[in-house]
């Protein structure tokens, strides 16, 4: 460890936030993106019935 780059105990005071504005309006969080992907419908053959129908990605993952 050099004297030029000392390690700080606490960079920020207790209760102080790094990002004061938070996430910008309209931006998508990870949870929202995953939910939208899983809800997306595709016309696929249902492996249980053999009939072509609209299935969500969530259902396709469950049936796989």
N, C-alpha and C. Protein backbone atom coordinates (compact mmCIF):
# COMPACT_ATOMS: atom_id res chain seq x y z
N UNK A 1 0.85 -1.17 0.00
CA UNK A 1 0.00 0.00 0.00
C UNK A 1 0.89 1.24 0.00
N UNK A 2 0.61 2.13 -0.92
CA UNK A 2 1.43 3.33 -1.03
C UNK A 2 0.80 4.48 -0.25
N UNK A 3 1.61 5.47 0.05
CA UNK A 3 1.11 6.65 0.76
C UNK A 3 0.36 7.59 -0.17
N UNK A 4 0.56 7.42 -1.50
CA UNK A 4 -0.12 8.28 -2.47
C UNK A 4 -1.61 7.96 -2.58
N UNK A 5 -1.99 6.70 -2.30
CA UNK A 5 -3.38 6.27 -2.48
C UNK A 5 -3.88 5.63 -1.18
N UNK A 6 -4.14 6.45 -0.15
CA UNK A 6 -4.60 5.86 1.11
C UNK A 6 -6.03 5.33 0.98
N UNK A 7 -6.34 4.27 1.72
CA UNK A 7 -7.69 3.70 1.71
C UNK A 7 -8.57 4.53 2.66
N UNK A 8 -9.74 4.95 2.14
CA UNK A 8 -10.67 5.73 2.96
C UNK A 8 -11.58 4.77 3.71
N UNK A 9 -11.86 5.08 4.97
CA UNK A 9 -12.77 4.23 5.74
C UNK A 9 -14.17 4.28 5.16
N UNK A 10 -14.69 5.49 4.94
CA UNK A 10 -16.04 5.67 4.39
C UNK A 10 -15.98 6.78 3.36
N UNK A 11 -16.31 6.46 2.12
CA UNK A 11 -16.26 7.46 1.07
C UNK A 11 -17.43 8.43 1.20
N UNK A 12 -18.59 7.93 1.65
CA UNK A 12 -19.78 8.77 1.79
C UNK A 12 -20.25 8.74 3.24
N UNK A 13 -20.85 9.84 3.66
CA UNK A 13 -21.39 9.92 5.02
C UNK A 13 -22.63 9.04 5.11
N UNK A 14 -22.97 8.63 6.30
CA UNK A 14 -24.16 7.80 6.52
C UNK A 14 -25.41 8.54 6.05
N UNK A 15 -26.22 7.87 5.23
CA UNK A 15 -27.45 8.47 4.71
C UNK A 15 -27.26 9.28 3.45
N UNK A 16 -26.03 9.45 3.00
CA UNK A 16 -25.76 10.22 1.78
C UNK A 16 -25.82 9.27 0.59
N UNK A 17 -26.50 9.68 -0.46
CA UNK A 17 -26.66 8.85 -1.64
C UNK A 17 -25.68 9.28 -2.74
N UNK A 18 -25.24 8.32 -3.52
CA UNK A 18 -24.35 8.61 -4.63
C UNK A 18 -25.15 9.20 -5.78
N UNK A 19 -26.29 8.60 -6.08
CA UNK A 19 -27.12 9.05 -7.19
C UNK A 19 -28.34 9.79 -6.63
N UNK A 20 -28.22 11.08 -6.50
CA UNK A 20 -29.27 11.87 -5.87
C UNK A 20 -30.54 11.92 -6.69
N UNK A 21 -30.45 11.84 -8.02
CA UNK A 21 -31.64 11.91 -8.87
C UNK A 21 -32.30 10.57 -9.08
N UNK A 22 -31.64 9.48 -8.77
CA UNK A 22 -32.21 8.16 -8.98
C UNK A 22 -32.25 7.80 -10.45
N UNK A 23 -32.98 6.74 -10.75
CA UNK A 23 -33.10 6.30 -12.14
C UNK A 23 -33.97 7.29 -12.90
N UNK A 24 -33.60 7.58 -14.14
CA UNK A 24 -34.34 8.56 -14.92
C UNK A 24 -35.73 8.04 -15.25
N UNK A 25 -36.69 8.96 -15.41
CA UNK A 25 -38.06 8.60 -15.72
C UNK A 25 -38.12 7.88 -17.05
N UNK A 26 -38.92 6.83 -17.11
CA UNK A 26 -39.10 6.10 -18.35
C UNK A 26 -38.10 4.99 -18.60
N UNK A 27 -37.03 4.94 -17.81
CA UNK A 27 -36.07 3.86 -18.01
C UNK A 27 -36.61 2.58 -17.38
N UNK A 28 -36.28 1.45 -17.98
CA UNK A 28 -36.81 0.18 -17.51
C UNK A 28 -35.84 -0.49 -16.56
N UNK A 29 -36.37 -1.02 -15.48
CA UNK A 29 -35.56 -1.80 -14.56
C UNK A 29 -35.45 -3.23 -15.08
N UNK A 30 -34.56 -4.01 -14.54
CA UNK A 30 -34.36 -5.38 -14.99
C UNK A 30 -35.59 -6.25 -14.84
N UNK A 31 -36.31 -6.09 -13.75
CA UNK A 31 -37.52 -6.87 -13.49
C UNK A 31 -38.56 -6.62 -14.57
N UNK A 32 -38.74 -5.37 -14.93
CA UNK A 32 -39.73 -4.98 -15.94
C UNK A 32 -39.39 -5.58 -17.29
N UNK A 33 -38.12 -5.56 -17.66
CA UNK A 33 -37.68 -6.11 -18.94
C UNK A 33 -37.96 -7.61 -19.00
N UNK A 34 -37.65 -8.32 -17.93
CA UNK A 34 -37.87 -9.77 -17.89
C UNK A 34 -39.36 -10.08 -17.96
N UNK A 35 -40.19 -9.34 -17.23
CA UNK A 35 -41.64 -9.56 -17.27
C UNK A 35 -42.19 -9.36 -18.67
N UNK A 36 -41.74 -8.32 -19.36
CA UNK A 36 -42.20 -8.05 -20.72
C UNK A 36 -41.77 -9.17 -21.67
N UNK A 37 -40.56 -9.67 -21.51
CA UNK A 37 -40.07 -10.76 -22.35
C UNK A 37 -40.89 -12.03 -22.13
N UNK A 38 -41.16 -12.35 -20.88
CA UNK A 38 -41.91 -13.57 -20.57
C UNK A 38 -43.36 -13.48 -21.03
N UNK A 39 -43.92 -12.28 -21.11
CA UNK A 39 -45.30 -12.10 -21.52
C UNK A 39 -45.46 -12.07 -23.04
N UNK A 40 -44.38 -11.97 -23.79
CA UNK A 40 -44.42 -11.89 -25.24
C UNK A 40 -45.02 -13.17 -25.82
N UNK A 41 -46.03 -13.04 -26.70
CA UNK A 41 -46.72 -14.19 -27.27
C UNK A 41 -46.13 -14.58 -28.62
N UNK A 42 -46.05 -15.90 -28.84
CA UNK A 42 -45.58 -16.43 -30.12
C UNK A 42 -46.51 -17.57 -30.53
N UNK A 43 -46.67 -17.72 -31.82
CA UNK A 43 -47.48 -18.84 -32.30
C UNK A 43 -46.58 -20.06 -32.41
N UNK A 44 -46.80 -21.02 -31.54
CA UNK A 44 -45.98 -22.23 -31.47
C UNK A 44 -46.88 -23.45 -31.33
N UNK A 45 -46.33 -24.62 -31.59
CA UNK A 45 -47.07 -25.86 -31.39
C UNK A 45 -46.95 -26.25 -29.93
N UNK A 46 -48.10 -26.43 -29.29
CA UNK A 46 -48.12 -26.84 -27.89
C UNK A 46 -47.62 -28.28 -27.82
N UNK A 47 -46.53 -28.53 -27.08
CA UNK A 47 -45.97 -29.89 -27.03
C UNK A 47 -46.90 -30.90 -26.35
N UNK A 48 -47.85 -30.43 -25.54
CA UNK A 48 -48.77 -31.34 -24.86
C UNK A 48 -49.93 -31.76 -25.75
N UNK A 49 -50.46 -30.81 -26.53
CA UNK A 49 -51.64 -31.09 -27.34
C UNK A 49 -51.32 -31.27 -28.82
N UNK A 50 -50.19 -30.75 -29.29
CA UNK A 50 -49.82 -30.83 -30.69
C UNK A 50 -50.54 -29.82 -31.57
N UNK A 51 -51.28 -28.89 -30.93
CA UNK A 51 -52.05 -27.87 -31.65
C UNK A 51 -51.25 -26.57 -31.67
N UNK A 52 -51.27 -25.89 -32.85
CA UNK A 52 -50.59 -24.61 -32.97
C UNK A 52 -51.44 -23.54 -32.28
N UNK A 53 -50.85 -22.80 -31.33
CA UNK A 53 -51.57 -21.77 -30.59
C UNK A 53 -50.61 -20.68 -30.11
N UNK A 54 -51.18 -19.59 -29.62
CA UNK A 54 -50.36 -18.51 -29.06
C UNK A 54 -49.92 -18.89 -27.66
N UNK A 55 -48.61 -18.93 -27.47
CA UNK A 55 -48.05 -19.26 -26.15
C UNK A 55 -47.06 -18.17 -25.74
N UNK A 56 -47.06 -17.85 -24.46
CA UNK A 56 -46.09 -16.88 -23.96
C UNK A 56 -44.75 -17.57 -23.76
N UNK A 57 -43.69 -16.79 -23.70
CA UNK A 57 -42.36 -17.34 -23.45
C UNK A 57 -42.32 -18.04 -22.10
N UNK A 58 -43.07 -17.51 -21.14
CA UNK A 58 -43.12 -18.12 -19.81
C UNK A 58 -43.67 -19.55 -19.89
N UNK A 59 -44.75 -19.73 -20.68
CA UNK A 59 -45.34 -21.05 -20.85
C UNK A 59 -44.39 -21.98 -21.59
N UNK A 60 -43.71 -21.45 -22.61
CA UNK A 60 -42.78 -22.29 -23.37
C UNK A 60 -41.63 -22.77 -22.49
N UNK A 61 -41.15 -21.90 -21.60
CA UNK A 61 -40.07 -22.29 -20.68
C UNK A 61 -40.58 -23.35 -19.71
N UNK A 62 -41.82 -23.19 -19.25
CA UNK A 62 -42.41 -24.16 -18.31
C UNK A 62 -42.59 -25.51 -18.98
N UNK A 63 -43.02 -25.51 -20.24
CA UNK A 63 -43.28 -26.77 -20.95
C UNK A 63 -42.01 -27.45 -21.45
N UNK A 64 -40.90 -26.71 -21.51
CA UNK A 64 -39.65 -27.29 -22.04
C UNK A 64 -39.08 -28.34 -21.13
